[in-house]
């Protein structure tokens, strides 16, 4: 597990009662109990934890990313941290 995965899983676990380790990183957020409102809150928490700014959906898409599943979040956060350094 990378150094970003554990904190992201911890943040997500606050918004669902499901065991996130049982799901593939490609599982859509809806399937693990994260609705669009919860995802907005998750994004705020991730921004605060990693001291990054996650762009709006169109900017994310322009960069070739999305926020449909856990794997997407890992890739985006990793890219934003790398970009920041």
Protein backbone atom coordinates (compact mmCIF):
# COMPACT_ATOMS: atom_id res chain seq x y z
CA UNK A 1 0.00 0.00 0.00
CA UNK A 2 1.42 3.35 -1.01
CA UNK A 3 1.74 6.29 1.34
CA UNK A 4 -1.41 7.88 -0.10
CA UNK A 5 -3.66 4.83 -0.05
CA UNK A 6 -3.96 4.37 3.72
CA UNK A 7 -5.03 7.96 4.48
CA UNK A 8 -7.49 7.96 1.57
CA UNK A 9 -9.02 4.67 2.73
CA UNK A 10 -9.30 6.09 6.25
CA UNK A 11 -11.08 9.18 4.95
CA UNK A 12 -13.45 7.13 2.78
CA UNK A 13 -14.23 4.75 5.64
CA UNK A 14 -15.74 7.69 7.56
CA UNK A 15 -18.44 7.96 4.87
CA UNK A 16 -19.41 4.30 4.43
CA UNK A 17 -20.07 1.37 6.70
CA UNK A 18 -18.54 -1.12 4.24
CA UNK A 19 -15.13 -2.74 4.49
CA UNK A 20 -13.26 -0.99 1.71
CA UNK A 21 -10.57 -3.66 1.48
CA UNK A 22 -13.23 -6.02 0.10
CA UNK A 23 -13.66 -3.90 -3.02
CA UNK A 24 -11.48 -3.60 -6.11
CA UNK A 25 -9.98 -0.17 -6.75
CA UNK A 26 -12.08 -0.08 -9.94
CA UNK A 27 -15.39 -0.50 -8.08
CA UNK A 28 -17.61 2.57 -8.65
CA UNK A 29 -18.14 4.70 -5.56
CA UNK A 30 -21.90 4.14 -5.70
CA UNK A 31 -21.31 0.41 -5.16
CA UNK A 32 -19.41 1.05 -1.93
CA UNK A 33 -21.96 3.46 -0.51
CA UNK A 34 -20.33 6.76 -1.44
CA UNK A 35 -22.92 9.04 -3.08
CA UNK A 36 -22.16 12.32 -4.85
CA UNK A 37 -22.65 14.43 -1.71
CA UNK A 38 -20.35 12.19 0.32
CA UNK A 39 -17.78 12.30 -2.49
CA UNK A 40 -17.69 16.11 -2.26
CA UNK A 41 -16.99 15.83 1.46
CA UNK A 42 -14.34 13.16 0.81
CA UNK A 43 -12.66 15.49 -1.68
CA UNK A 44 -12.56 18.31 0.88
CA UNK A 45 -11.03 15.95 3.45
CA UNK A 46 -8.43 14.69 0.96
CA UNK A 47 -7.52 18.26 -0.01
CA UNK A 48 -7.04 19.19 3.62
CA UNK A 49 -5.05 16.06 4.51
CA UNK A 50 -2.64 16.29 1.56
CA UNK A 51 -2.65 20.11 1.30
CA UNK A 52 -3.67 19.98 -2.37
CA UNK A 53 -6.47 21.46 -4.46
CA UNK A 54 -8.53 19.01 -6.48
CA UNK A 55 -9.79 20.81 -9.59
CA UNK A 56 -13.39 20.78 -10.77
CA UNK A 57 -14.70 17.91 -12.89
CA UNK A 58 -14.00 19.50 -16.28
CA UNK A 59 -10.41 20.30 -15.33
CA UNK A 60 -9.96 16.77 -14.01
CA UNK A 61 -11.28 15.36 -17.30
CA UNK A 62 -8.99 17.68 -19.28
CA UNK A 63 -6.04 16.17 -17.40
CA UNK A 64 -7.26 12.67 -18.28
CA UNK A 65 -8.58 11.77 -14.83
CA UNK A 66 -11.99 11.07 -13.32
CA UNK A 67 -13.44 10.44 -9.88
CA UNK A 68 -15.54 7.34 -10.47
CA UNK A 69 -13.65 4.91 -8.27
CA UNK A 70 -10.91 4.55 -5.66
CA UNK A 71 -8.21 3.91 -8.27
CA UNK A 72 -9.11 7.21 -9.96
CA UNK A 73 -8.68 9.06 -6.68
CA UNK A 74 -5.30 7.40 -6.03
CA UNK A 75 -4.04 8.40 -9.48
CA UNK A 76 -5.32 11.97 -9.26
CA UNK A 77 -3.99 12.60 -5.74
CA UNK A 78 -0.63 11.10 -6.66
CA UNK A 79 -0.43 13.34 -9.75
CA UNK A 80 -1.41 16.45 -7.77
CA UNK A 81 1.16 15.73 -5.06
CA UNK A 82 3.86 15.15 -7.68
CA UNK A 83 2.83 18.35 -9.48
CA UNK A 84 3.04 20.29 -6.21
CA UNK A 85 6.58 19.13 -5.43
